[in-house]
Amino acid sequence: MIAACFPLPGGTLLLPRLVSDHEHAPYFAEISILHQLSILPNKPRAEKAALAPIPLCTWYVLSIEAAALAVLLFICKRLLIFNNIKPTLV
């Protein structure tokens, strides 16, 4: 869930915002993510947690985000090039 969160212009995250109740607890999922990130591991297991591999789903989501960013940059570049070409009047 952390890797799939997309920030919105208002500063909230898209996926947690969609799963939260908008009337009673609009930031419940974001608070849950913050809680999971703030938990410290137990002392005996701290070395094992530090050496844990990154899950494949994280790399999958990051590759999709990188591909989307590349497409957006390509579109922006094409629009800038297209707007810089001025038609000549005959």
N, C-alpha and C. Protein backbone atom coordinates (compact mmCIF):
# COMPACT_ATOMS: atom_id res chain seq x y z
N MET A 1 0.82 -1.19 0.00
CA MET A 1 0.00 0.00 0.00
C MET A 1 0.87 1.26 0.00
N ILE A 2 2.01 1.20 0.66
CA ILE A 2 2.87 2.37 0.72
C ILE A 2 3.42 2.69 -0.67
N ALA A 3 3.80 1.66 -1.42
CA ALA A 3 4.38 1.89 -2.75
C ALA A 3 3.34 2.36 -3.75
N ALA A 4 2.07 2.03 -3.54
CA ALA A 4 1.03 2.38 -4.49
C ALA A 4 0.37 3.72 -4.19
N CYS A 5 0.83 4.42 -3.17
CA CYS A 5 0.24 5.72 -2.83
C CYS A 5 0.72 6.79 -3.79
N PHE A 6 -0.19 7.53 -4.34
CA PHE A 6 0.12 8.60 -5.27
C PHE A 6 -0.31 9.91 -4.64
N PRO A 7 0.61 10.87 -4.49
CA PRO A 7 0.22 12.12 -3.83
C PRO A 7 -0.70 12.98 -4.70
N LEU A 8 -1.71 13.54 -4.08
CA LEU A 8 -2.64 14.44 -4.76
C LEU A 8 -2.18 15.88 -4.57
N PRO A 9 -2.68 16.83 -5.37
CA PRO A 9 -2.25 18.22 -5.23
C PRO A 9 -2.49 18.82 -3.84
N GLY A 10 -3.48 18.33 -3.12
CA GLY A 10 -3.76 18.86 -1.79
C GLY A 10 -2.86 18.31 -0.71
N GLY A 11 -1.97 17.36 -1.03
CA GLY A 11 -1.06 16.79 -0.06
C GLY A 11 -1.51 15.45 0.49
N THR A 12 -2.74 15.03 0.20
CA THR A 12 -3.19 13.72 0.65
C THR A 12 -2.73 12.65 -0.33
N LEU A 13 -2.89 11.40 0.06
CA LEU A 13 -2.49 10.28 -0.78
C LEU A 13 -3.73 9.65 -1.41
N LEU A 14 -3.61 9.25 -2.68
CA LEU A 14 -4.77 8.78 -3.44
C LEU A 14 -5.35 7.49 -2.89
N LEU A 15 -4.57 6.43 -2.78
CA LEU A 15 -5.11 5.14 -2.37
C LEU A 15 -5.66 5.16 -0.94
N PRO A 16 -4.94 5.73 0.04
CA PRO A 16 -5.54 5.82 1.38
C PRO A 16 -6.80 6.68 1.40
N ARG A 17 -6.84 7.71 0.58
CA ARG A 17 -8.03 8.58 0.54
C ARG A 17 -9.23 7.82 0.00
N LEU A 18 -8.99 6.92 -0.97
CA LEU A 18 -10.10 6.15 -1.54
C LEU A 18 -10.66 5.12 -0.57
N VAL A 19 -9.81 4.54 0.28
CA VAL A 19 -10.29 3.51 1.19
C VAL A 19 -10.79 4.07 2.52
N SER A 20 -10.56 5.35 2.78
CA SER A 20 -11.02 5.95 4.04
C SER A 20 -12.47 6.41 3.92
N ASP A 21 -13.13 6.47 5.07
CA ASP A 21 -14.49 7.00 5.13
C ASP A 21 -14.39 8.52 5.12
N HIS A 22 -14.98 9.16 4.12
CA HIS A 22 -14.80 10.60 3.94
C HIS A 22 -15.51 11.44 4.99
N GLU A 23 -16.55 10.92 5.61
CA GLU A 23 -17.28 11.70 6.61
C GLU A 23 -16.69 11.55 8.01
N HIS A 24 -16.43 10.33 8.44
CA HIS A 24 -16.08 10.09 9.82
C HIS A 24 -14.58 10.00 10.07
N ALA A 25 -13.83 9.44 9.14
CA ALA A 25 -12.39 9.27 9.35
C ALA A 25 -11.66 9.44 8.02
N PRO A 26 -11.52 10.68 7.54
CA PRO A 26 -10.92 10.88 6.21
C PRO A 26 -9.43 10.55 6.14
N TYR A 27 -8.72 10.60 7.26
CA TYR A 27 -7.28 10.34 7.25
C TYR A 27 -6.91 9.05 7.95
N PHE A 28 -7.86 8.13 8.11
CA PHE A 28 -7.59 6.89 8.86
C PHE A 28 -6.51 6.05 8.20
N ALA A 29 -6.56 5.87 6.89
CA ALA A 29 -5.56 5.03 6.20
C ALA A 29 -4.18 5.68 6.24
N GLU A 30 -4.09 7.00 6.13
CA GLU A 30 -2.81 7.67 6.22
C GLU A 30 -2.22 7.53 7.62
N ILE A 31 -3.06 7.59 8.64
CA ILE A 31 -2.59 7.40 10.01
C ILE A 31 -2.11 5.97 10.21
N SER A 32 -2.78 5.01 9.58
CA SER A 32 -2.35 3.61 9.67
C SER A 32 -0.98 3.42 9.03
N ILE A 33 -0.74 4.06 7.89
CA ILE A 33 0.58 3.98 7.25
C ILE A 33 1.64 4.61 8.15
N LEU A 34 1.33 5.76 8.73
CA LEU A 34 2.27 6.42 9.63
C LEU A 34 2.58 5.54 10.84
N HIS A 35 1.56 4.87 11.36
CA HIS A 35 1.77 3.98 12.50
C HIS A 35 2.69 2.82 12.12
N GLN A 36 2.47 2.21 10.95
CA GLN A 36 3.30 1.09 10.51
C GLN A 36 4.75 1.53 10.30
N LEU A 37 4.95 2.74 9.81
CA LEU A 37 6.32 3.23 9.59
C LEU A 37 7.02 3.61 10.88
N SER A 38 6.26 3.92 11.93
CA SER A 38 6.87 4.38 13.18
C SER A 38 7.16 3.25 14.16
N ILE A 39 6.72 2.03 13.88
CA ILE A 39 6.97 0.90 14.79
C ILE A 39 8.43 0.48 14.66
N LEU A 40 9.11 0.40 15.80
CA LEU A 40 10.49 -0.05 15.81
C LEU A 40 10.54 -1.57 15.96
N PRO A 41 11.45 -2.24 15.27
CA PRO A 41 11.55 -3.69 15.41
C PRO A 41 12.12 -4.07 16.77
N ASN A 42 11.85 -5.31 17.19
CA ASN A 42 12.41 -5.81 18.45
C ASN A 42 13.93 -5.90 18.32
N LYS A 43 14.61 -5.81 19.43
CA LYS A 43 16.08 -5.82 19.42
C LYS A 43 16.68 -7.09 18.79
N PRO A 44 16.24 -8.32 19.14
CA PRO A 44 16.88 -9.50 18.55
C PRO A 44 16.64 -9.61 17.04
N ARG A 45 15.54 -9.09 16.56
CA ARG A 45 15.21 -9.25 15.15
C ARG A 45 15.64 -8.05 14.31
N ALA A 46 16.29 -7.06 14.92
CA ALA A 46 16.64 -5.84 14.20
C ALA A 46 17.63 -6.11 13.07
N GLU A 47 18.58 -7.03 13.27
CA GLU A 47 19.56 -7.32 12.23
C GLU A 47 18.90 -8.03 11.05
N LYS A 48 17.96 -8.92 11.34
CA LYS A 48 17.28 -9.63 10.26
C LYS A 48 16.38 -8.70 9.46
N ALA A 49 15.74 -7.76 10.14
CA ALA A 49 14.86 -6.83 9.44
C ALA A 49 15.65 -5.90 8.52
N ALA A 50 16.85 -5.55 8.93
CA ALA A 50 17.66 -4.65 8.12
C ALA A 50 18.16 -5.34 6.85
N LEU A 51 18.27 -6.66 6.87
CA LEU A 51 18.79 -7.40 5.72
C LEU A 51 17.68 -7.99 4.84
N ALA A 52 16.45 -7.69 5.14
CA ALA A 52 15.34 -8.25 4.37
C ALA A 52 15.35 -7.69 2.95
N PRO A 53 15.10 -8.56 1.95
CA PRO A 53 15.07 -8.06 0.56
C PRO A 53 13.82 -7.25 0.28
N ILE A 54 13.90 -6.40 -0.72
CA ILE A 54 12.75 -5.59 -1.13
C ILE A 54 11.81 -6.49 -1.92
N PRO A 55 10.51 -6.51 -1.60
CA PRO A 55 9.57 -7.38 -2.30
C PRO A 55 9.45 -7.03 -3.79
N LEU A 56 9.12 -8.04 -4.60
CA LEU A 56 8.99 -7.84 -6.04
C LEU A 56 7.85 -6.89 -6.39
N CYS A 57 6.79 -6.88 -5.59
CA CYS A 57 5.67 -5.98 -5.90
C CYS A 57 6.11 -4.52 -5.80
N THR A 58 7.06 -4.21 -4.93
CA THR A 58 7.57 -2.85 -4.83
C THR A 58 8.29 -2.45 -6.12
N TRP A 59 9.11 -3.35 -6.65
CA TRP A 59 9.81 -3.06 -7.91
C TRP A 59 8.82 -2.96 -9.06
N TYR A 60 7.76 -3.75 -9.02
CA TYR A 60 6.73 -3.69 -10.07
C TYR A 60 6.03 -2.33 -10.07
N VAL A 61 5.63 -1.87 -8.90
CA VAL A 61 4.95 -0.57 -8.80
C VAL A 61 5.90 0.56 -9.19
N LEU A 62 7.15 0.49 -8.75
CA LEU A 62 8.11 1.52 -9.11
C LEU A 62 8.38 1.55 -10.62
N SER A 63 8.40 0.38 -11.26
CA SER A 63 8.62 0.36 -12.71
C SER A 63 7.43 0.95 -13.45
N ILE A 64 6.22 0.71 -12.97
CA ILE A 64 5.03 1.31 -13.59
C ILE A 64 5.07 2.84 -13.43
N GLU A 65 5.44 3.31 -12.23
CA GLU A 65 5.53 4.75 -12.01
C GLU A 65 6.63 5.37 -12.87
N ALA A 66 7.75 4.69 -13.04
CA ALA A 66 8.83 5.21 -13.88
C ALA A 66 8.40 5.26 -15.34
N ALA A 67 7.68 4.24 -15.80
CA ALA A 67 7.19 4.25 -17.18
C ALA A 67 6.18 5.38 -17.40
N ALA A 68 5.30 5.60 -16.43
CA ALA A 68 4.33 6.69 -16.55
C ALA A 68 5.04 8.04 -16.56
N LEU A 69 6.07 8.18 -15.74
CA LEU A 69 6.84 9.42 -15.73
C LEU A 69 7.55 9.65 -17.06
N ALA A 70 8.10 8.58 -17.64
CA ALA A 70 8.77 8.70 -18.94
C ALA A 70 7.78 9.12 -20.02
N VAL A 71 6.59 8.56 -20.01
CA VAL A 71 5.57 8.92 -20.99
C VAL A 71 5.16 10.39 -20.82
N LEU A 72 4.96 10.81 -19.58
CA LEU A 72 4.59 12.21 -19.33
C LEU A 72 5.68 13.18 -19.75
N LEU A 73 6.93 12.83 -19.49
CA LEU A 73 8.03 13.69 -19.91
C LEU A 73 8.12 13.76 -21.43
N PHE A 74 7.89 12.63 -22.09
CA PHE A 74 7.90 12.61 -23.56
C PHE A 74 6.79 13.50 -24.12
N ILE A 75 5.61 13.41 -23.53
CA ILE A 75 4.49 14.23 -23.98
C ILE A 75 4.78 15.72 -23.75
N CYS A 76 5.33 16.06 -22.59
CA CYS A 76 5.66 17.46 -22.30
C CYS A 76 6.72 17.97 -23.28
N LYS A 77 7.70 17.15 -23.56
CA LYS A 77 8.75 17.55 -24.50
C LYS A 77 8.18 17.79 -25.89
N ARG A 78 7.30 16.90 -26.33
CA ARG A 78 6.69 17.05 -27.65
C ARG A 78 5.81 18.30 -27.70
N LEU A 79 5.10 18.59 -26.63
CA LEU A 79 4.27 19.79 -26.60
C LEU A 79 5.11 21.06 -26.61
N LEU A 80 6.24 21.05 -25.90
CA LEU A 80 7.11 22.21 -25.91
C LEU A 80 7.73 22.43 -27.28
N ILE A 81 8.14 21.35 -27.93
CA ILE A 81 8.71 21.47 -29.27
C ILE A 81 7.63 21.95 -30.25
N PHE A 82 6.43 21.41 -30.12
CA PHE A 82 5.35 21.79 -31.01
C PHE A 82 4.97 23.27 -30.83
N ASN A 83 4.97 23.74 -29.60
CA ASN A 83 4.60 25.14 -29.34
C ASN A 83 5.70 26.13 -29.74
N ASN A 84 6.94 25.68 -29.81
CA ASN A 84 8.03 26.58 -30.20
C ASN A 84 8.10 26.79 -31.71
N ILE A 85 7.51 25.91 -32.50
CA ILE A 85 7.51 26.06 -33.95
C ILE A 85 6.42 27.06 -34.32
N LYS A 86 6.82 28.15 -34.92
CA LYS A 86 5.87 29.19 -35.29
C LYS A 86 5.58 29.10 -36.79
N PRO A 87 4.33 29.15 -37.15
CA PRO A 87 4.02 29.09 -38.58
C PRO A 87 4.45 30.37 -39.29
N THR A 88 4.91 30.22 -40.50
CA THR A 88 5.31 31.39 -41.30
C THR A 88 4.15 31.85 -42.15
N LEU A 89 3.94 33.12 -42.19
CA LEU A 89 2.88 33.69 -43.01
C LEU A 89 3.42 33.97 -44.41
N VAL A 90 2.69 33.53 -45.40
CA VAL A 90 3.12 33.71 -46.79
C VAL A 90 2.42 34.89 -47.40
